[in-house]
Each structure stands twice: as structure tokens, then as C-alpha cells.
Amino acid sequence: MEFDMSSLANIALLNAGADGDTAVMSFSDITLTEVTPIPEPSTAILGLLGLGLVARRRRA
């Protein structure tokens, strides 16, 4: 079974209204922050430490 973007948009609209609300969603309303996964705090801290080490090496 293949889905194109229009059928996926219809599924999103049906799911949005399933609980009785009149919310309307479309794929053009999704922003980058809603799609991008938020890293766990430990992963973010390790990433920042890594960036600090790289920046120190470039300065020296």
C-alpha cells in the first residue's frame, strides 16, 4: 500500500479531529523545531564539551 503526501495530510486531519476538537493541521505548518528531535541533557552536555575542545585547539 503506497501513500502520497495528500493521503498523509488527510490522515493527519482525521487524527487531529478525532478527539472532537476542530484543530486543522497541515504539513506546511510543521516547523523545523517540531521535527528535530531534542537531545537528552547528557548528550547535549557531551556535545558542548566536544565543541569546547575543538574551539580550544583552533585558537591555540
N, C-alpha and C. Protein backbone atom coordinates (compact mmCIF):
# COMPACT_ATOMS: atom_id res chain seq x y z
N MET A 1 0.85 -1.18 0.00
CA MET A 1 0.00 0.00 0.00
C MET A 1 0.89 1.24 0.00
N GLU A 2 0.69 2.11 -0.97
CA GLU A 2 1.50 3.32 -1.07
C GLU A 2 0.68 4.53 -0.66
N PHE A 3 1.35 5.47 0.01
CA PHE A 3 0.72 6.72 0.41
C PHE A 3 1.42 7.86 -0.29
N ASP A 4 0.65 8.80 -0.79
CA ASP A 4 1.25 10.03 -1.26
C ASP A 4 1.02 11.10 -0.21
N MET A 5 1.58 12.28 -0.41
CA MET A 5 1.51 13.33 0.61
C MET A 5 0.07 13.77 0.87
N SER A 6 -0.79 13.74 -0.14
CA SER A 6 -2.17 14.19 0.08
C SER A 6 -2.92 13.22 0.99
N SER A 7 -2.67 11.92 0.84
CA SER A 7 -3.35 10.97 1.72
C SER A 7 -2.80 11.07 3.14
N LEU A 8 -1.49 11.33 3.28
CA LEU A 8 -0.93 11.52 4.61
C LEU A 8 -1.49 12.77 5.28
N ALA A 9 -1.71 13.82 4.49
CA ALA A 9 -2.30 15.04 5.04
C ALA A 9 -3.73 14.77 5.50
N ASN A 10 -4.47 13.97 4.74
CA ASN A 10 -5.83 13.62 5.14
C ASN A 10 -5.83 12.82 6.43
N ILE A 11 -4.89 11.90 6.58
CA ILE A 11 -4.78 11.12 7.81
C ILE A 11 -4.49 12.05 8.99
N ALA A 12 -3.59 13.03 8.78
CA ALA A 12 -3.27 13.98 9.84
C ALA A 12 -4.50 14.79 10.23
N LEU A 13 -5.29 15.18 9.24
CA LEU A 13 -6.51 15.94 9.54
C LEU A 13 -7.51 15.09 10.31
N LEU A 14 -7.65 13.83 9.93
CA LEU A 14 -8.57 12.94 10.65
C LEU A 14 -8.11 12.72 12.08
N ASN A 15 -6.81 12.54 12.28
CA ASN A 15 -6.29 12.33 13.62
C ASN A 15 -6.44 13.58 14.47
N ALA A 16 -6.31 14.75 13.85
CA ALA A 16 -6.42 16.00 14.60
C ALA A 16 -7.84 16.20 15.11
N GLY A 17 -8.83 15.77 14.34
CA GLY A 17 -10.21 15.97 14.74
C GLY A 17 -10.83 14.79 15.45
N ALA A 18 -10.05 13.77 15.75
CA ALA A 18 -10.59 12.54 16.31
C ALA A 18 -11.12 12.73 17.73
N ASP A 19 -10.56 13.69 18.48
CA ASP A 19 -10.99 13.87 19.86
C ASP A 19 -12.09 14.92 20.00
N GLY A 20 -12.67 15.35 18.91
CA GLY A 20 -13.77 16.30 18.97
C GLY A 20 -13.35 17.75 18.77
N ASP A 21 -12.04 18.03 18.82
CA ASP A 21 -11.57 19.39 18.57
C ASP A 21 -11.66 19.69 17.08
N THR A 22 -11.64 20.96 16.75
CA THR A 22 -11.69 21.34 15.35
C THR A 22 -10.32 21.82 14.89
N ALA A 23 -9.27 21.18 15.41
CA ALA A 23 -7.92 21.55 15.02
C ALA A 23 -7.66 21.12 13.58
N VAL A 24 -6.99 21.98 12.84
CA VAL A 24 -6.64 21.67 11.46
C VAL A 24 -5.12 21.71 11.35
N MET A 25 -4.57 20.62 10.84
CA MET A 25 -3.12 20.53 10.70
C MET A 25 -2.78 20.32 9.23
N SER A 26 -1.64 20.83 8.84
CA SER A 26 -1.12 20.53 7.51
C SER A 26 0.39 20.42 7.61
N PHE A 27 1.01 19.80 6.61
CA PHE A 27 2.45 19.61 6.66
C PHE A 27 3.20 20.92 6.51
N SER A 28 2.58 21.94 5.93
CA SER A 28 3.26 23.22 5.78
C SER A 28 3.35 23.96 7.11
N ASP A 29 2.54 23.56 8.10
CA ASP A 29 2.57 24.22 9.41
C ASP A 29 3.65 23.65 10.33
N ILE A 30 4.24 22.53 9.96
CA ILE A 30 5.24 21.91 10.82
C ILE A 30 6.55 22.68 10.69
N THR A 31 7.10 23.11 11.82
CA THR A 31 8.35 23.86 11.80
C THR A 31 9.51 22.92 12.03
N LEU A 32 10.72 23.41 11.84
CA LEU A 32 11.92 22.59 12.00
C LEU A 32 12.08 22.13 13.43
N THR A 33 11.68 22.96 14.41
CA THR A 33 11.84 22.58 15.81
C THR A 33 10.90 21.45 16.20
N GLU A 34 9.75 21.33 15.52
CA GLU A 34 8.83 20.24 15.82
C GLU A 34 9.32 18.93 15.24
N VAL A 35 10.10 18.99 14.18
CA VAL A 35 10.59 17.79 13.52
C VAL A 35 11.90 17.32 14.13
N THR A 36 12.76 18.27 14.52
CA THR A 36 14.08 17.94 15.05
C THR A 36 13.96 17.34 16.43
N PRO A 37 14.54 16.15 16.65
CA PRO A 37 14.49 15.56 18.00
C PRO A 37 15.35 16.35 18.97
N ILE A 38 14.88 16.50 20.19
CA ILE A 38 15.62 17.23 21.21
C ILE A 38 16.54 16.23 21.91
N PRO A 39 17.86 16.49 21.94
CA PRO A 39 18.77 15.53 22.57
C PRO A 39 18.59 15.48 24.08
N GLU A 40 18.95 14.36 24.67
CA GLU A 40 18.90 14.25 26.12
C GLU A 40 19.96 15.17 26.72
N PRO A 41 19.78 15.59 27.97
CA PRO A 41 20.74 16.53 28.58
C PRO A 41 22.18 16.01 28.57
N SER A 42 22.37 14.72 28.85
CA SER A 42 23.74 14.19 28.87
C SER A 42 24.38 14.27 27.49
N THR A 43 23.60 14.01 26.46
CA THR A 43 24.12 14.09 25.10
C THR A 43 24.46 15.52 24.74
N ALA A 44 23.62 16.45 25.15
CA ALA A 44 23.86 17.87 24.86
C ALA A 44 25.12 18.36 25.58
N ILE A 45 25.31 17.94 26.82
CA ILE A 45 26.49 18.36 27.59
C ILE A 45 27.76 17.80 26.95
N LEU A 46 27.73 16.53 26.56
CA LEU A 46 28.90 15.94 25.90
C LEU A 46 29.20 16.65 24.58
N GLY A 47 28.17 17.01 23.85
CA GLY A 47 28.36 17.73 22.60
C GLY A 47 28.98 19.09 22.81
N LEU A 48 28.52 19.81 23.84
CA LEU A 48 29.09 21.13 24.13
C LEU A 48 30.54 21.02 24.59
N LEU A 49 30.86 19.99 25.37
CA LEU A 49 32.25 19.78 25.79
C LEU A 49 33.13 19.50 24.57
N GLY A 50 32.63 18.71 23.65
CA GLY A 50 33.37 18.42 22.43
C GLY A 50 33.61 19.67 21.61
N LEU A 51 32.61 20.52 21.51
CA LEU A 51 32.77 21.78 20.77
C LEU A 51 33.80 22.67 21.45
N GLY A 52 33.80 22.68 22.79
CA GLY A 52 34.79 23.47 23.53
C GLY A 52 36.20 23.00 23.26
N LEU A 53 36.40 21.68 23.20
CA LEU A 53 37.74 21.15 22.92
C LEU A 53 38.20 21.50 21.52
N VAL A 54 37.28 21.42 20.56
CA VAL A 54 37.62 21.77 19.17
C VAL A 54 37.96 23.25 19.07
N ALA A 55 37.18 24.10 19.74
CA ALA A 55 37.43 25.55 19.69
C ALA A 55 38.77 25.89 20.34
N ARG A 56 39.13 25.20 21.43
CA ARG A 56 40.42 25.45 22.09
C ARG A 56 41.58 25.10 21.17
N ARG A 57 41.45 23.97 20.47
CA ARG A 57 42.54 23.55 19.58
C ARG A 57 42.71 24.52 18.42
N ARG A 58 41.62 25.07 17.94
CA ARG A 58 41.71 26.01 16.81
C ARG A 58 42.33 27.33 17.25
N ARG A 59 42.08 27.75 18.50
CA ARG A 59 42.63 29.01 18.99
C ARG A 59 44.13 28.89 19.26
N ALA A 60 44.57 27.74 19.73
CA ALA A 60 45.97 27.57 20.13
C ALA A 60 46.90 27.40 18.94
